[in-house]
Amino acid sequence: ADKPKVLFADSVSVSESDCTVGAFAKILRQNGVQIGRNRLFEWLRDNGYLMRDGQKEKNIPTQKSMEMGLFRVKETTIHNGDEVFISYTAYFTGKGQTYFLDRFLSGEISA
């Protein structure tokens, strides 16, 4: 009976399609987890998956979560007149999506 769910989870975990924290919050909500983008960012920071305020790179994955393969980081160069800035964006990997979705839905972790 669980074969379709297992097949889907296996497909997502090895998928090359990553998603933003906002998009993943919507996936969680569609699956009954009452959380939005901002609260998911807060939860990920509070639980050591993303860096906190005051650290050099707020909302960038911690070394632990990178080693677990839960996130990837996209670097974007922004040109503003004579100045150049580098922006970093965290994306859930397929493995990360499966990891967190399973834990939220099982009640192992809560929002």
N, C-alpha and C. Protein backbone atom coordinates (compact mmCIF):
# COMPACT_ATOMS: atom_id res chain seq x y z
N ALA A 1 0.82 -1.21 0.00
CA ALA A 1 0.00 0.00 0.00
C ALA A 1 0.86 1.26 0.00
N ASP A 2 2.03 1.17 0.63
CA ASP A 2 2.90 2.33 0.71
C ASP A 2 3.84 2.46 -0.50
N LYS A 3 3.74 1.52 -1.44
CA LYS A 3 4.68 1.51 -2.56
C LYS A 3 4.72 2.84 -3.33
N PRO A 4 3.58 3.47 -3.67
CA PRO A 4 3.65 4.75 -4.38
C PRO A 4 4.37 5.84 -3.58
N LYS A 5 4.13 5.89 -2.25
CA LYS A 5 4.78 6.88 -1.41
C LYS A 5 6.29 6.64 -1.34
N VAL A 6 6.67 5.39 -1.22
CA VAL A 6 8.09 5.03 -1.15
C VAL A 6 8.78 5.37 -2.46
N LEU A 7 8.13 5.07 -3.58
CA LEU A 7 8.69 5.38 -4.89
C LEU A 7 8.86 6.89 -5.05
N PHE A 8 7.85 7.66 -4.62
CA PHE A 8 7.94 9.12 -4.70
C PHE A 8 9.09 9.63 -3.83
N ALA A 9 9.18 9.15 -2.60
CA ALA A 9 10.25 9.59 -1.69
C ALA A 9 11.62 9.24 -2.25
N ASP A 10 11.76 8.06 -2.81
CA ASP A 10 13.04 7.67 -3.42
C ASP A 10 13.38 8.57 -4.59
N SER A 11 12.38 8.92 -5.40
CA SER A 11 12.60 9.78 -6.56
C SER A 11 13.02 11.18 -6.13
N VAL A 12 12.35 11.73 -5.12
CA VAL A 12 12.68 13.07 -4.64
C VAL A 12 14.07 13.10 -4.03
N SER A 13 14.42 12.05 -3.26
CA SER A 13 15.69 12.07 -2.54
C SER A 13 16.90 12.07 -3.47
N VAL A 14 16.77 11.54 -4.67
CA VAL A 14 17.89 11.53 -5.61
C VAL A 14 17.70 12.55 -6.74
N SER A 15 16.64 13.34 -6.64
CA SER A 15 16.32 14.32 -7.67
C SER A 15 17.36 15.44 -7.71
N GLU A 16 17.54 16.00 -8.88
CA GLU A 16 18.41 17.16 -9.05
C GLU A 16 17.64 18.46 -8.82
N SER A 17 16.31 18.37 -8.64
CA SER A 17 15.54 19.60 -8.47
C SER A 17 15.47 19.98 -7.00
N ASP A 18 16.13 21.07 -6.69
CA ASP A 18 16.14 21.61 -5.34
C ASP A 18 15.02 22.63 -5.22
N CYS A 19 14.65 22.98 -3.98
CA CYS A 19 13.61 24.00 -3.83
C CYS A 19 13.97 24.96 -2.71
N THR A 20 13.43 26.16 -2.83
CA THR A 20 13.69 27.20 -1.83
C THR A 20 12.97 26.86 -0.53
N VAL A 21 13.34 27.56 0.51
CA VAL A 21 12.68 27.38 1.80
C VAL A 21 11.20 27.74 1.70
N GLY A 22 10.88 28.81 0.96
CA GLY A 22 9.48 29.20 0.79
C GLY A 22 8.67 28.14 0.07
N ALA A 23 9.23 27.57 -0.99
CA ALA A 23 8.52 26.52 -1.73
C ALA A 23 8.34 25.28 -0.87
N PHE A 24 9.36 24.95 -0.08
CA PHE A 24 9.25 23.76 0.77
C PHE A 24 8.23 23.97 1.89
N ALA A 25 8.12 25.20 2.39
CA ALA A 25 7.10 25.50 3.40
C ALA A 25 5.70 25.23 2.83
N LYS A 26 5.50 25.55 1.55
CA LYS A 26 4.21 25.29 0.92
C LYS A 26 3.97 23.79 0.78
N ILE A 27 5.00 23.03 0.49
CA ILE A 27 4.87 21.56 0.41
C ILE A 27 4.49 21.01 1.78
N LEU A 28 5.14 21.51 2.83
CA LEU A 28 4.80 21.07 4.18
C LEU A 28 3.34 21.39 4.51
N ARG A 29 2.92 22.62 4.18
CA ARG A 29 1.54 23.04 4.47
C ARG A 29 0.53 22.17 3.73
N GLN A 30 0.83 21.84 2.47
CA GLN A 30 -0.07 20.97 1.69
C GLN A 30 -0.18 19.58 2.33
N ASN A 31 0.81 19.23 3.13
CA ASN A 31 0.80 17.93 3.80
C ASN A 31 0.37 18.03 5.26
N GLY A 32 -0.24 19.17 5.62
CA GLY A 32 -0.84 19.31 6.94
C GLY A 32 0.04 19.90 8.02
N VAL A 33 1.27 20.30 7.68
CA VAL A 33 2.15 20.92 8.67
C VAL A 33 1.88 22.42 8.65
N GLN A 34 1.44 22.96 9.78
CA GLN A 34 1.05 24.36 9.86
C GLN A 34 2.28 25.25 10.06
N ILE A 35 2.94 25.56 8.96
CA ILE A 35 4.13 26.39 9.00
C ILE A 35 4.22 27.17 7.70
N GLY A 36 4.77 28.36 7.77
CA GLY A 36 5.00 29.18 6.58
C GLY A 36 6.49 29.42 6.41
N ARG A 37 6.83 30.21 5.41
CA ARG A 37 8.22 30.47 5.07
C ARG A 37 9.02 31.05 6.24
N ASN A 38 8.51 32.12 6.84
CA ASN A 38 9.26 32.78 7.92
C ASN A 38 9.43 31.89 9.14
N ARG A 39 8.37 31.18 9.51
CA ARG A 39 8.49 30.28 10.67
C ARG A 39 9.39 29.09 10.36
N LEU A 40 9.42 28.63 9.11
CA LEU A 40 10.32 27.54 8.75
C LEU A 40 11.77 28.02 8.82
N PHE A 41 12.06 29.23 8.31
CA PHE A 41 13.40 29.79 8.46
C PHE A 41 13.79 29.84 9.94
N GLU A 42 12.88 30.36 10.76
CA GLU A 42 13.15 30.47 12.19
C GLU A 42 13.42 29.10 12.81
N TRP A 43 12.60 28.11 12.47
CA TRP A 43 12.77 26.76 13.00
C TRP A 43 14.12 26.17 12.58
N LEU A 44 14.48 26.35 11.32
CA LEU A 44 15.76 25.83 10.82
C LEU A 44 16.94 26.49 11.53
N ARG A 45 16.84 27.79 11.82
CA ARG A 45 17.90 28.47 12.57
C ARG A 45 17.94 27.98 14.01
N ASP A 46 16.77 27.93 14.66
CA ASP A 46 16.70 27.53 16.07
C ASP A 46 17.20 26.10 16.29
N ASN A 47 17.09 25.26 15.28
CA ASN A 47 17.48 23.86 15.42
C ASN A 47 18.81 23.53 14.77
N GLY A 48 19.57 24.57 14.42
CA GLY A 48 20.95 24.37 13.99
C GLY A 48 21.17 23.94 12.55
N TYR A 49 20.15 24.10 11.70
CA TYR A 49 20.31 23.74 10.30
C TYR A 49 20.76 24.93 9.44
N LEU A 50 20.38 26.14 9.86
CA LEU A 50 20.80 27.36 9.18
C LEU A 50 21.47 28.27 10.20
N MET A 51 22.39 29.12 9.71
CA MET A 51 23.07 30.05 10.60
C MET A 51 22.10 31.13 11.07
N ARG A 52 22.36 31.61 12.27
CA ARG A 52 21.47 32.58 12.92
C ARG A 52 21.87 34.02 12.64
N ASP A 53 21.05 34.94 13.14
CA ASP A 53 21.38 36.38 13.11
C ASP A 53 22.72 36.59 13.80
N GLY A 54 23.44 37.58 13.34
CA GLY A 54 24.70 37.89 13.99
C GLY A 54 25.87 37.07 13.47
N GLN A 55 25.57 35.97 12.77
CA GLN A 55 26.63 35.21 12.15
C GLN A 55 26.88 35.79 10.77
N LYS A 56 28.01 35.52 10.23
CA LYS A 56 28.41 36.16 8.97
C LYS A 56 27.39 35.96 7.85
N GLU A 57 26.86 34.80 7.72
CA GLU A 57 25.96 34.49 6.61
C GLU A 57 24.62 33.99 7.14
N LYS A 58 23.72 34.88 7.51
CA LYS A 58 22.41 34.49 8.02
C LYS A 58 21.66 33.66 6.98
N ASN A 59 21.01 32.61 7.46
CA ASN A 59 20.19 31.70 6.66
C ASN A 59 20.98 30.86 5.66
N ILE A 60 22.28 30.73 5.89
CA ILE A 60 23.11 29.83 5.09
C ILE A 60 23.23 28.54 5.89
N PRO A 61 23.19 27.38 5.22
CA PRO A 61 23.26 26.11 5.94
C PRO A 61 24.52 26.00 6.81
N THR A 62 24.36 25.36 7.94
CA THR A 62 25.50 25.08 8.81
C THR A 62 26.34 23.98 8.19
N GLN A 63 27.54 23.82 8.68
CA GLN A 63 28.42 22.77 8.18
C GLN A 63 27.76 21.40 8.36
N LYS A 64 27.12 21.20 9.51
CA LYS A 64 26.45 19.93 9.80
C LYS A 64 25.40 19.58 8.73
N SER A 65 24.54 20.55 8.41
CA SER A 65 23.47 20.26 7.45
C SER A 65 24.02 20.10 6.03
N MET A 66 25.13 20.77 5.72
CA MET A 66 25.77 20.58 4.41
C MET A 66 26.37 19.19 4.31
N GLU A 67 27.03 18.75 5.39
CA GLU A 67 27.63 17.41 5.41
C GLU A 67 26.57 16.32 5.31
N MET A 68 25.38 16.61 5.84
CA MET A 68 24.27 15.65 5.76
C MET A 68 23.66 15.63 4.36
N GLY A 69 23.99 16.64 3.52
CA GLY A 69 23.46 16.71 2.16
C GLY A 69 22.04 17.23 2.09
N LEU A 70 21.62 18.02 3.09
CA LEU A 70 20.25 18.50 3.16
C LEU A 70 20.02 19.77 2.34
N PHE A 71 21.08 20.52 2.09
CA PHE A 71 20.98 21.80 1.38
C PHE A 71 22.09 21.93 0.35
N ARG A 72 21.86 22.86 -0.57
CA ARG A 72 22.93 23.36 -1.43
C ARG A 72 22.81 24.88 -1.38
N VAL A 73 23.88 25.56 -1.77
CA VAL A 73 23.88 27.01 -1.73
C VAL A 73 24.14 27.54 -3.13
N LYS A 74 23.32 28.49 -3.54
CA LYS A 74 23.51 29.15 -4.83
C LYS A 74 24.09 30.53 -4.56
N GLU A 75 25.15 30.84 -5.27
CA GLU A 75 25.81 32.14 -5.15
C GLU A 75 25.42 33.00 -6.33
N THR A 76 24.99 34.23 -6.06
CA THR A 76 24.60 35.16 -7.11
C THR A 76 25.38 36.45 -6.94
N THR A 77 25.93 36.95 -8.04
CA THR A 77 26.65 38.22 -8.02
C THR A 77 25.69 39.33 -8.39
N ILE A 78 25.68 40.39 -7.57
CA ILE A 78 24.78 41.52 -7.79
C ILE A 78 25.64 42.76 -8.03
N HIS A 79 25.43 43.40 -9.16
CA HIS A 79 26.15 44.62 -9.50
C HIS A 79 25.25 45.81 -9.20
N ASN A 80 25.76 46.71 -8.37
CA ASN A 80 25.01 47.91 -8.00
C ASN A 80 25.93 49.10 -8.24
N GLY A 81 25.88 49.62 -9.46
CA GLY A 81 26.79 50.72 -9.82
C GLY A 81 28.22 50.21 -9.83
N ASP A 82 29.06 50.81 -9.02
CA ASP A 82 30.46 50.41 -8.95
C ASP A 82 30.69 49.30 -7.93
N GLU A 83 29.67 48.97 -7.17
CA GLU A 83 29.82 47.96 -6.13
C GLU A 83 29.33 46.60 -6.62
N VAL A 84 29.97 45.57 -6.11
CA VAL A 84 29.57 44.19 -6.42
C VAL A 84 29.33 43.47 -5.10
N PHE A 85 28.17 42.84 -5.00
CA PHE A 85 27.80 42.08 -3.81
C PHE A 85 27.60 40.63 -4.21
N ILE A 86 27.82 39.75 -3.27
CA ILE A 86 27.53 38.34 -3.50
C ILE A 86 26.40 37.95 -2.56
N SER A 87 25.36 37.38 -3.13
CA SER A 87 24.20 36.93 -2.38
C SER A 87 24.20 35.40 -2.36
N TYR A 88 23.84 34.82 -1.23
CA TYR A 88 23.78 33.38 -1.09
C TYR A 88 22.35 32.96 -0.77
N THR A 89 21.88 31.91 -1.44
CA THR A 89 20.53 31.40 -1.21
C THR A 89 20.60 29.91 -0.91
N ALA A 90 19.94 29.50 0.16
CA ALA A 90 19.90 28.09 0.54
C ALA A 90 18.75 27.39 -0.18
N TYR A 91 19.01 26.21 -0.69
CA TYR A 91 18.01 25.37 -1.34
C TYR A 91 18.00 24.00 -0.68
N PHE A 92 16.81 23.46 -0.45
CA PHE A 92 16.70 22.08 0.01
C PHE A 92 17.05 21.16 -1.14
N THR A 93 17.90 20.19 -0.90
CA THR A 93 18.15 19.15 -1.90
C THR A 93 16.99 18.16 -1.85
N GLY A 94 16.94 17.25 -2.80
CA GLY A 94 15.91 16.21 -2.74
C GLY A 94 16.01 15.43 -1.44
N LYS A 95 17.24 15.11 -1.04
CA LYS A 95 17.45 14.39 0.22
C LYS A 95 16.93 15.21 1.40
N GLY A 96 17.18 16.52 1.37
CA GLY A 96 16.71 17.39 2.45
C GLY A 96 15.19 17.47 2.52
N GLN A 97 14.56 17.52 1.35
CA GLN A 97 13.09 17.55 1.31
C GLN A 97 12.52 16.30 1.95
N THR A 98 13.06 15.16 1.58
CA THR A 98 12.59 13.88 2.13
C THR A 98 12.86 13.82 3.63
N TYR A 99 14.06 14.22 4.04
CA TYR A 99 14.48 14.19 5.44
C TYR A 99 13.49 14.97 6.32
N PHE A 100 13.23 16.22 5.95
CA PHE A 100 12.37 17.05 6.78
C PHE A 100 10.90 16.68 6.66
N LEU A 101 10.43 16.38 5.47
CA LEU A 101 9.03 16.01 5.29
C LEU A 101 8.70 14.77 6.12
N ASP A 102 9.54 13.75 6.05
CA ASP A 102 9.31 12.53 6.84
C ASP A 102 9.25 12.84 8.33
N ARG A 103 10.15 13.67 8.81
CA ARG A 103 10.20 13.96 10.25
C ARG A 103 9.04 14.84 10.71
N PHE A 104 8.64 15.80 9.90
CA PHE A 104 7.48 16.62 10.27
C PHE A 104 6.21 15.78 10.26
N LEU A 105 6.03 14.96 9.23
CA LEU A 105 4.80 14.18 9.12
C LEU A 105 4.70 13.07 10.16
N SER A 106 5.84 12.52 10.58
CA SER A 106 5.82 11.45 11.59
C SER A 106 5.64 12.01 13.00
N GLY A 107 5.79 13.33 13.14
CA GLY A 107 5.69 13.94 14.47
C GLY A 107 7.01 13.91 15.21
N GLU A 108 8.07 13.39 14.59
CA GLU A 108 9.39 13.35 15.22
C GLU A 108 9.87 14.77 15.54
N ILE A 109 9.54 15.70 14.65
CA ILE A 109 9.79 17.11 14.90
C ILE A 109 8.49 17.87 14.66
N SER A 110 8.34 19.01 15.32
CA SER A 110 7.10 19.77 15.12
C SER A 110 7.41 21.24 14.87
N ALA A 111 6.46 21.88 14.22
CA ALA A 111 6.63 23.29 13.86
C ALA A 111 6.35 24.21 15.01
